[in-house]
Amino acid sequence: MKEIDLVKVKWLDAQTGFAQAIPISEFLEDFKPLYNYSVGQLLCNDKEKIILGFLIMDDSDEDSLVKHWQLIPKGMVKEITKLKETR
């Protein structure tokens, strides 16, 4: 299996919700974007997106397989930090 960087990604998440009806002025005062953090193996980093893998399975005879993954649109990504692996 080729080496894949382990990274921590800081990104802004889109939000949606439903609740009791509240005045729009109160809603606008209290809400702001929230940062999320994801840690995984960086499978793709291009101009449109990043893709993190969370469960990589190695098969020596074929390509490695990925079971769990996350795609984050590049416009939502604020920071990518390469992590040092320890064994």
PDB file of N, CA and C in Angstrom:
ATOM      1  N   MET A   1       0.843  -1.177   0.000  1.00  0.00           N
ATOM      2  CA  MET A   1       0.000   0.000   0.000  1.00  0.00           C
ATOM      3  C   MET A   1       0.885   1.235   0.000  1.00  0.00           C
ATOM      4  N   LYS A   2       0.540   2.220  -0.839  1.00  0.00           N
ATOM      5  CA  LYS A   2       1.315   3.455  -0.864  1.00  0.00           C
ATOM      6  C   LYS A   2       1.075   4.249   0.416  1.00  0.00           C
ATOM      7  N   GLU A   3       2.024   5.110   0.748  1.00  0.00           N
ATOM      8  CA  GLU A   3       1.890   5.943   1.944  1.00  0.00           C
ATOM      9  C   GLU A   3       0.775   6.970   1.747  1.00  0.00           C
ATOM     10  N   ILE A   4      -0.065   7.118   2.740  1.00  0.00           N
ATOM     11  CA  ILE A   4      -1.152   8.093   2.712  1.00  0.00           C
ATOM     12  C   ILE A   4      -1.019   8.950   3.960  1.00  0.00           C
ATOM     13  N   ASP A   5      -1.032  10.283   3.778  1.00  0.00           N
ATOM     14  CA  ASP A   5      -0.881  11.185   4.914  1.00  0.00           C
ATOM     15  C   ASP A   5      -2.077  11.108   5.857  1.00  0.00           C
ATOM     16  N   LEU A   6      -1.782  11.134   7.149  1.00  0.00           N
ATOM     17  CA  LEU A   6      -2.796  11.244   8.186  1.00  0.00           C
ATOM     18  C   LEU A   6      -2.949  12.727   8.487  1.00  0.00           C
ATOM     19  N   VAL A   7      -4.183  13.263   8.416  1.00  0.00           N
ATOM     20  CA  VAL A   7      -4.396  14.696   8.569  1.00  0.00           C
ATOM     21  C   VAL A   7      -5.548  15.001   9.520  1.00  0.00           C
ATOM     22  N   LYS A   8      -5.518  16.222  10.037  1.00  0.00           N
ATOM     23  CA  LYS A   8      -6.630  16.785  10.801  1.00  0.00           C
ATOM     24  C   LYS A   8      -7.156  17.950   9.968  1.00  0.00           C
ATOM     25  N   VAL A   9      -8.464  17.974   9.717  1.00  0.00           N
ATOM     26  CA  VAL A   9      -9.079  18.997   8.875  1.00  0.00           C
ATOM     27  C   VAL A   9     -10.043  19.836   9.715  1.00  0.00           C
ATOM     28  N   LYS A  10      -9.851  21.147   9.667  1.00  0.00           N
ATOM     29  CA  LYS A  10     -10.782  22.095  10.289  1.00  0.00           C
ATOM     30  C   LYS A  10     -11.678  22.600   9.162  1.00  0.00           C
ATOM     31  N   TRP A  11     -13.004  22.472   9.341  1.00  0.00           N
ATOM     32  CA  TRP A  11     -13.914  22.853   8.267  1.00  0.00           C
ATOM     33  C   TRP A  11     -15.222  23.398   8.824  1.00  0.00           C
ATOM     34  N   LEU A  12     -15.853  24.274   8.030  1.00  0.00           N
ATOM     35  CA  LEU A  12     -17.152  24.840   8.388  1.00  0.00           C
ATOM     36  C   LEU A  12     -18.253  23.928   7.881  1.00  0.00           C
ATOM     37  N   ASP A  13     -19.146  23.557   8.755  1.00  0.00           N
ATOM     38  CA  ASP A  13     -20.242  22.666   8.394  1.00  0.00           C
ATOM     39  C   ASP A  13     -21.466  23.475   7.999  1.00  0.00           C
ATOM     40  N   ALA A  14     -22.178  23.009   6.990  1.00  0.00           N
ATOM     41  CA  ALA A  14     -23.483  23.583   6.671  1.00  0.00           C
ATOM     42  C   ALA A  14     -24.453  23.180   7.779  1.00  0.00           C
ATOM     43  N   GLN A  15     -25.400  24.038   8.074  1.00  0.00           N
ATOM     44  CA  GLN A  15     -26.337  23.751   9.155  1.00  0.00           C
ATOM     45  C   GLN A  15     -27.770  23.900   8.661  1.00  0.00           C
ATOM     46  N   THR A  16     -28.631  23.155   9.285  1.00  0.00           N
ATOM     47  CA  THR A  16     -30.061  23.269   9.041  1.00  0.00           C
ATOM     48  C   THR A  16     -30.770  22.950  10.346  1.00  0.00           C
ATOM     49  N   GLY A  17     -32.006  23.284  10.440  1.00  0.00           N
ATOM     50  CA  GLY A  17     -32.681  22.971  11.689  1.00  0.00           C
ATOM     51  C   GLY A  17     -34.170  23.206  11.606  1.00  0.00           C
ATOM     52  N   PHE A  18     -34.833  22.782  12.651  1.00  0.00           N
ATOM     53  CA  PHE A  18     -36.255  23.042  12.808  1.00  0.00           C
ATOM     54  C   PHE A  18     -36.490  23.122  14.306  1.00  0.00           C
ATOM     55  N   ALA A  19     -37.369  24.030  14.693  1.00  0.00           N
ATOM     56  CA  ALA A  19     -37.637  24.233  16.114  1.00  0.00           C
ATOM     57  C   ALA A  19     -38.943  25.018  16.232  1.00  0.00           C
ATOM     58  N   GLN A  20     -39.175  25.502  17.439  1.00  0.00           N
ATOM     59  CA  GLN A  20     -40.318  26.378  17.627  1.00  0.00           C
ATOM     60  C   GLN A  20     -40.120  27.626  16.773  1.00  0.00           C
ATOM     61  N   ALA A  21     -41.193  28.236  16.394  1.00  0.00           N
ATOM     62  CA  ALA A  21     -41.103  29.488  15.650  1.00  0.00           C
ATOM     63  C   ALA A  21     -40.511  30.567  16.548  1.00  0.00           C
ATOM     64  N   ILE A  22     -39.513  31.289  16.015  1.00  0.00           N
ATOM     65  CA  ILE A  22     -38.891  32.388  16.761  1.00  0.00           C
ATOM     66  C   ILE A  22     -38.768  33.580  15.820  1.00  0.00           C
ATOM     67  N   PRO A  23     -38.754  34.788  16.380  1.00  0.00           N
ATOM     68  CA  PRO A  23     -38.580  35.970  15.534  1.00  0.00           C
ATOM     69  C   PRO A  23     -37.242  35.895  14.783  1.00  0.00           C
ATOM     70  N   ILE A  24     -37.261  36.291  13.530  1.00  0.00           N
ATOM     71  CA  ILE A  24     -36.057  36.236  12.709  1.00  0.00           C
ATOM     72  C   ILE A  24     -34.924  37.039  13.346  1.00  0.00           C
ATOM     73  N   SER A  25     -35.218  38.187  13.949  1.00  0.00           N
ATOM     74  CA  SER A  25     -34.167  39.006  14.564  1.00  0.00           C
ATOM     75  C   SER A  25     -33.435  38.236  15.664  1.00  0.00           C
ATOM     76  N   GLU A  26     -34.153  37.452  16.484  1.00  0.00           N
ATOM     77  CA  GLU A  26     -33.513  36.632  17.519  1.00  0.00           C
ATOM     78  C   GLU A  26     -32.679  35.516  16.879  1.00  0.00           C
ATOM     79  N   PHE A  27     -33.242  34.906  15.861  1.00  0.00           N
ATOM     80  CA  PHE A  27     -32.535  33.832  15.162  1.00  0.00           C
ATOM     81  C   PHE A  27     -31.202  34.341  14.611  1.00  0.00           C
ATOM     82  N   LEU A  28     -31.220  35.493  13.954  1.00  0.00           N
ATOM     83  CA  LEU A  28     -30.009  36.025  13.333  1.00  0.00           C
ATOM     84  C   LEU A  28     -28.954  36.429  14.362  1.00  0.00           C
ATOM     85  N   GLU A  29     -29.365  36.840  15.556  1.00  0.00           N
ATOM     86  CA  GLU A  29     -28.417  37.229  16.610  1.00  0.00           C
ATOM     87  C   GLU A  29     -27.665  36.028  17.174  1.00  0.00           C
ATOM     88  N   ASP A  30     -28.352  34.906  17.298  1.00  0.00           N
ATOM     89  CA  ASP A  30     -27.811  33.764  18.033  1.00  0.00           C
ATOM     90  C   ASP A  30     -27.052  32.750  17.187  1.00  0.00           C
ATOM     91  N   PHE A  31     -27.180  32.800  15.891  1.00  0.00           N
ATOM     92  CA  PHE A  31     -26.590  31.755  15.069  1.00  0.00           C
ATOM     93  C   PHE A  31     -25.318  32.225  14.373  1.00  0.00           C
ATOM     94  N   LYS A  32     -24.356  31.331  14.324  1.00  0.00           N
ATOM     95  CA  LYS A  32     -23.103  31.592  13.617  1.00  0.00           C
ATOM     96  C   LYS A  32     -22.575  30.252  13.104  1.00  0.00           C
ATOM     97  N   PRO A  33     -21.707  30.293  12.092  1.00  0.00           N
ATOM     98  CA  PRO A  33     -21.128  29.040  11.586  1.00  0.00           C
ATOM     99  C   PRO A  33     -20.304  28.344  12.675  1.00  0.00           C
ATOM    100  N   LEU A  34     -20.297  27.032  12.641  1.00  0.00           N
ATOM    101  CA  LEU A  34     -19.526  26.245  13.605  1.00  0.00           C
ATOM    102  C   LEU A  34     -18.443  25.464  12.874  1.00  0.00           C
ATOM    103  N   TYR A  35     -17.278  25.382  13.494  1.00  0.00           N
ATOM    104  CA  TYR A  35     -16.191  24.583  12.939  1.00  0.00           C
ATOM    105  C   TYR A  35     -16.337  23.133  13.380  1.00  0.00           C
ATOM    106  N   ASN A  36     -15.990  22.242  12.495  1.00  0.00           N
ATOM    107  CA  ASN A  36     -15.884  20.818  12.786  1.00  0.00           C
ATOM    108  C   ASN A  36     -14.447  20.404  12.531  1.00  0.00           C
ATOM    109  N   TYR A  37     -14.062  19.285  13.106  1.00  0.00           N
ATOM    110  CA  TYR A  37     -12.725  18.735  12.920  1.00  0.00           C
ATOM    111  C   TYR A  37     -12.862  17.262  12.563  1.00  0.00           C
ATOM    112  N   SER A  38     -12.154  16.841  11.532  1.00  0.00           N
ATOM    113  CA  SER A  38     -12.134  15.441  11.127  1.00  0.00           C
ATOM    114  C   SER A  38     -10.679  14.998  11.040  1.00  0.00           C
ATOM    115  N   VAL A  39     -10.417  13.772  11.450  1.00  0.00           N
ATOM    116  CA  VAL A  39      -9.082  13.190  11.350  1.00  0.00           C
ATOM    117  C   VAL A  39      -9.190  11.930  10.507  1.00  0.00           C
ATOM    118  N   GLY A  40      -8.334  11.815   9.492  1.00  0.00           N
ATOM    119  CA  GLY A  40      -8.370  10.641   8.629  1.00  0.00           C
ATOM    120  C   GLY A  40      -7.203  10.637   7.671  1.00  0.00           C
ATOM    121  N   GLN A  41      -7.217   9.685   6.773  1.00  0.00           N
ATOM    122  CA  GLN A  41      -6.166   9.549   5.767  1.00  0.00           C
ATOM    123  C   GLN A  41      -6.593  10.320   4.518  1.00  0.00           C
ATOM    124  N   LEU A  42      -5.718  11.204   4.052  1.00  0.00           N
ATOM    125  CA  LEU A  42      -6.032  12.097   2.940  1.00  0.00           C
ATOM    126  C   LEU A  42      -5.921  11.348   1.618  1.00  0.00           C
ATOM    127  N   LEU A  43      -7.073  10.970   1.057  1.00  0.00           N
ATOM    128  CA  LEU A  43      -7.108  10.199  -0.183  1.00  0.00           C
ATOM    129  C   LEU A  43      -7.124  11.095  -1.414  1.00  0.00           C
ATOM    130  N   CYS A  44      -7.688  12.292  -1.291  1.00  0.00           N
ATOM    131  CA  CYS A  44      -7.803  13.209  -2.431  1.00  0.00           C
ATOM    132  C   CYS A  44      -7.761  14.636  -1.907  1.00  0.00           C
ATOM    133  N   ASN A  45      -7.041  15.509  -2.618  1.00  0.00           N
ATOM    134  CA  ASN A  45      -6.997  16.930  -2.302  1.00  0.00           C
ATOM    135  C   ASN A  45      -6.861  17.668  -3.625  1.00  0.00           C
ATOM    136  N   ASP A  46      -7.998  18.044  -4.218  1.00  0.00           N
ATOM    137  CA  ASP A  46      -7.954  18.767  -5.481  1.00  0.00           C
ATOM    138  C   ASP A  46      -8.670  20.110  -5.322  1.00  0.00           C
ATOM    139  N   LYS A  47      -8.908  20.819  -6.415  1.00  0.00           N
ATOM    140  CA  LYS A  47      -9.466  22.174  -6.320  1.00  0.00           C
ATOM    141  C   LYS A  47     -10.917  22.183  -5.855  1.00  0.00           C
ATOM    142  N   GLU A  48     -11.640  21.079  -5.971  1.00  0.00           N
ATOM    143  CA  GLU A  48     -13.052  21.028  -5.605  1.00  0.00           C
ATOM    144  C   GLU A  48     -13.337  20.416  -4.240  1.00  0.00           C
ATOM    145  N   LYS A  49     -12.456  19.506  -3.799  1.00  0.00           N
ATOM    146  CA  LYS A  49     -12.814  18.711  -2.621  1.00  0.00           C
ATOM    147  C   LYS A  49     -11.590  18.092  -1.976  1.00  0.00           C
ATOM    148  N   ILE A  50     -11.807  17.630  -0.729  1.00  0.00           N
ATOM    149  CA  ILE A  50     -10.880  16.685  -0.116  1.00  0.00           C
ATOM    150  C   ILE A  50     -11.701  15.449   0.228  1.00  0.00           C
ATOM    151  N   ILE A  51     -11.040  14.303   0.231  1.00  0.00           N
ATOM    152  CA  ILE A  51     -11.691  13.059   0.648  1.00  0.00           C
ATOM    153  C   ILE A  51     -10.793  12.403   1.687  1.00  0.00           C
ATOM    154  N   LEU A  52     -11.373  12.115   2.857  1.00  0.00           N
ATOM    155  CA  LEU A  52     -10.672  11.409   3.930  1.00  0.00           C
ATOM    156  C   LEU A  52     -11.156   9.975   3.985  1.00  0.00           C
ATOM    157  N   GLY A  53     -10.244   9.053   4.230  1.00  0.00           N
ATOM    158  CA  GLY A  53     -10.587   7.663   4.443  1.00  0.00           C
ATOM    159  C   GLY A  53     -10.390   7.308   5.906  1.00  0.00           C
ATOM    160  N   PHE A  54     -11.278   6.490   6.447  1.00  0.00           N
ATOM    161  CA  PHE A  54     -11.227   6.133   7.867  1.00  0.00           C
ATOM    162  C   PHE A  54     -10.986   4.647   8.099  1.00  0.00           C
ATOM    163  N   LEU A  55     -11.180   3.837   7.108  1.00  0.00           N
ATOM    164  CA  LEU A  55     -10.910   2.404   7.232  1.00  0.00           C
ATOM    165  C   LEU A  55     -10.347   1.938   5.892  1.00  0.00           C
ATOM    166  N   ILE A  56      -9.034   1.785   5.849  1.00  0.00           N
ATOM    167  CA  ILE A  56      -8.342   1.387   4.629  1.00  0.00           C
ATOM    168  C   ILE A  56      -7.936  -0.075   4.782  1.00  0.00           C
ATOM    169  N   MET A  57      -8.306  -0.889   3.811  1.00  0.00           N
ATOM    170  CA  MET A  57      -7.965  -2.313   3.849  1.00  0.00           C
ATOM    171  C   MET A  57      -6.951  -2.589   2.745  1.00  0.00           C
ATOM    172  N   ASP A  58      -5.844  -3.218   3.102  1.00  0.00           N
ATOM    173  CA  ASP A  58      -4.775  -3.486   2.147  1.00  0.00           C
ATOM    174  C   ASP A  58      -4.891  -4.903   1.620  1.00  0.00           C
ATOM    175  N   ASP A  59      -4.898  -5.023   0.315  1.00  0.00           N
ATOM    176  CA  ASP A  59      -4.846  -6.326  -0.348  1.00  0.00           C
ATOM    177  C   ASP A  59      -3.613  -6.285  -1.230  1.00  0.00           C
ATOM    178  N   SER A  60      -2.606  -7.025  -0.878  1.00  0.00           N
ATOM    179  CA  SER A  60      -1.318  -6.961  -1.561  1.00  0.00           C
ATOM    180  C   SER A  60      -1.419  -7.224  -3.053  1.00  0.00           C
ATOM    181  N   ASP A  61      -2.428  -7.959  -3.496  1.00  0.00           N
ATOM    182  CA  ASP A  61      -2.558  -8.295  -4.909  1.00  0.00           C
ATOM    183  C   ASP A  61      -3.322  -7.250  -5.716  1.00  0.00           C
ATOM    184  N   GLU A  62      -4.046  -6.344  -5.049  1.00  0.00           N
ATOM    185  CA  GLU A  62      -4.875  -5.366  -5.740  1.00  0.00           C
ATOM    186  C   GLU A  62      -4.765  -4.011  -5.061  1.00  0.00           C
ATOM    187  N   ASP A  63      -5.519  -3.044  -5.588  1.00  0.00           N
ATOM    188  CA  ASP A  63      -5.593  -1.736  -4.935  1.00  0.00           C
ATOM    189  C   ASP A  63      -6.105  -1.886  -3.517  1.00  0.00           C
ATOM    190  N   SER A  64      -5.677  -0.953  -2.653  1.00  0.00           N
ATOM    191  CA  SER A  64      -6.246  -0.914  -1.305  1.00  0.00           C
ATOM    192  C   SER A  64      -7.716  -0.541  -1.406  1.00  0.00           C
ATOM    193  N   LEU A  65      -8.499  -0.960  -0.444  1.00  0.00           N
ATOM    194  CA  LEU A  65      -9.930  -0.680  -0.398  1.00  0.00           C
ATOM    195  C   LEU A  65     -10.211   0.337   0.705  1.00  0.00           C
ATOM    196  N   VAL A  66     -11.214   1.172   0.509  1.00  0.00           N
ATOM    197  CA  VAL A  66     -11.646   2.095   1.549  1.00  0.00           C
ATOM    198  C   VAL A  66     -13.098   1.778   1.878  1.00  0.00           C
ATOM    199  N   LYS A  67     -13.396   1.673   3.176  1.00  0.00           N
ATOM    200  CA  LYS A  67     -14.759   1.331   3.603  1.00  0.00           C
ATOM    201  C   LYS A  67     -15.514   2.560   4.118  1.00  0.00           C
ATOM    202  N   HIS A  68     -14.875   3.388   4.930  1.00  0.00           N
ATOM    203  CA  HIS A  68     -15.509   4.587   5.483  1.00  0.00           C
ATOM    204  C   HIS A  68     -14.757   5.797   4.950  1.00  0.00           C
ATOM    205  N   TRP A  69     -15.493   6.797   4.474  1.00  0.00           N
ATOM    206  CA  TRP A  69     -14.868   7.971   3.884  1.00  0.00           C
ATOM    207  C   TRP A  69     -15.744   9.198   4.101  1.00  0.00           C
ATOM    208  N   GLN A  70     -15.146  10.376   3.875  1.00  0.00           N
ATOM    209  CA  GLN A  70     -15.870  11.637   4.010  1.00  0.00           C
ATOM    210  C   GLN A  70     -15.371  12.589   2.925  1.00  0.00           C
ATOM    211  N   LEU A  71     -16.289  13.188   2.177  1.00  0.00           N
ATOM    212  CA  LEU A  71     -15.967  14.201   1.186  1.00  0.00           C
ATOM    213  C   LEU A  71     -16.349  15.560   1.760  1.00  0.00           C
ATOM    214  N   ILE A  72     -15.403  16.510   1.742  1.00  0.00           N
ATOM    215  CA  ILE A  72     -15.666  17.867   2.213  1.00  0.00           C
ATOM    216  C   ILE A  72     -15.382  18.818   1.056  1.00  0.00           C
ATOM    217  N   PRO A  73     -16.383  19.607   0.625  1.00  0.00           N
ATOM    218  CA  PRO A  73     -16.135  20.575  -0.439  1.00  0.00           C
ATOM    219  C   PRO A  73     -15.021  21.551  -0.032  1.00  0.00           C
ATOM    220  N   LYS A  74     -14.138  21.881  -0.969  1.00  0.00           N
ATOM    221  CA  LYS A  74     -12.964  22.694  -0.672  1.00  0.00           C
ATOM    222  C   LYS A  74     -13.319  24.054  -0.080  1.00  0.00           C
ATOM    223  N   GLY A  75     -14.451  24.653  -0.477  1.00  0.00           N
ATOM    224  CA  GLY A  75     -14.847  25.945   0.068  1.00  0.00           C
ATOM    225  C   GLY A  75     -15.162  25.916   1.553  1.00  0.00           C
ATOM    226  N   MET A  76     -15.410  24.730   2.100  1.00  0.00           N
ATOM    227  CA  MET A  76     -15.707  24.591   3.526  1.00  0.00           C
ATOM    228  C   MET A  76     -14.442  24.324   4.350  1.00  0.00           C
ATOM    229  N   VAL A  77     -13.356  23.934   3.685  1.00  0.00           N
ATOM    230  CA  VAL A  77     -12.113  23.583   4.370  1.00  0.00           C
ATOM    231  C   VAL A  77     -11.370  24.859   4.760  1.00  0.00           C
ATOM    232  N   LYS A  78     -11.018  24.975   6.029  1.00  0.00           N
ATOM    233  CA  LYS A  78     -10.292  26.138   6.525  1.00  0.00           C
ATOM    234  C   LYS A  78      -8.824  25.830   6.802  1.00  0.00           C
ATOM    235  N   GLU A  79      -8.517  24.581   7.164  1.00  0.00           N
ATOM    236  CA  GLU A  79      -7.133  24.236   7.496  1.00  0.00           C
ATOM    237  C   GLU A  79      -6.944  22.726   7.404  1.00  0.00           C
ATOM    238  N   ILE A  80      -5.794  22.318   6.853  1.00  0.00           N
ATOM    239  CA  ILE A  80      -5.418  20.911   6.819  1.00  0.00           C
ATOM    240  C   ILE A  80      -4.055  20.797   7.478  1.00  0.00           C
ATOM    241  N   THR A  81      -3.965  19.992   8.534  1.00  0.00           N
ATOM    242  CA  THR A  81      -2.718  19.813   9.256  1.00  0.00           C
ATOM    243  C   THR A  81      -2.278  18.360   9.140  1.00  0.00           C
ATOM    244  N   LYS A  82      -1.056  18.148   8.618  1.00  0.00           N
ATOM    245  CA  LYS A  82      -0.501  16.796   8.545  1.00  0.00           C
ATOM    246  C   LYS A  82      -0.114  16.368   9.958  1.00  0.00           C
ATOM    247  N   LEU A  83      -0.518  15.172  10.347  1.00  0.00           N
ATOM    248  CA  LEU A  83      -0.219  14.652  11.676  1.00  0.00           C
ATOM    249  C   LEU A  83       0.963  13.699  11.617  1.00  0.00           C
ATOM    250  N   LYS A  84       1.706  13.668  12.685  1.00  0.00           N
ATOM    251  CA  LYS A  84       2.834  12.748  12.802  1.00  0.00           C
ATOM    252  C   LYS A  84       2.306  11.436  13.353  1.00  0.00           C
ATOM    253  N   GLU A  85       2.590  10.357  12.640  1.00  0.00           N
ATOM    254  CA  GLU A  85       2.147   9.042  13.117  1.00  0.00           C
ATOM    255  C   GLU A  85       3.131   8.531  14.162  1.00  0.00           C
ATOM    256  N   THR A  86       2.610   7.911  15.200  1.00  0.00           N
ATOM    257  CA  THR A  86       3.462   7.293  16.224  1.00  0.00           C
ATOM    258  C   THR A  86       3.122   5.793  16.277  1.00  0.00           C
ATOM    259  N   ARG A  87       4.126   5.028  16.523  1.00  0.00           N
ATOM    260  CA  ARG A  87       3.925   3.579  16.594  1.00  0.00           C
ATOM    261  C   ARG A  87       4.460   3.050  17.891  1.00  0.00           C
TER     262      ARG A  87
END
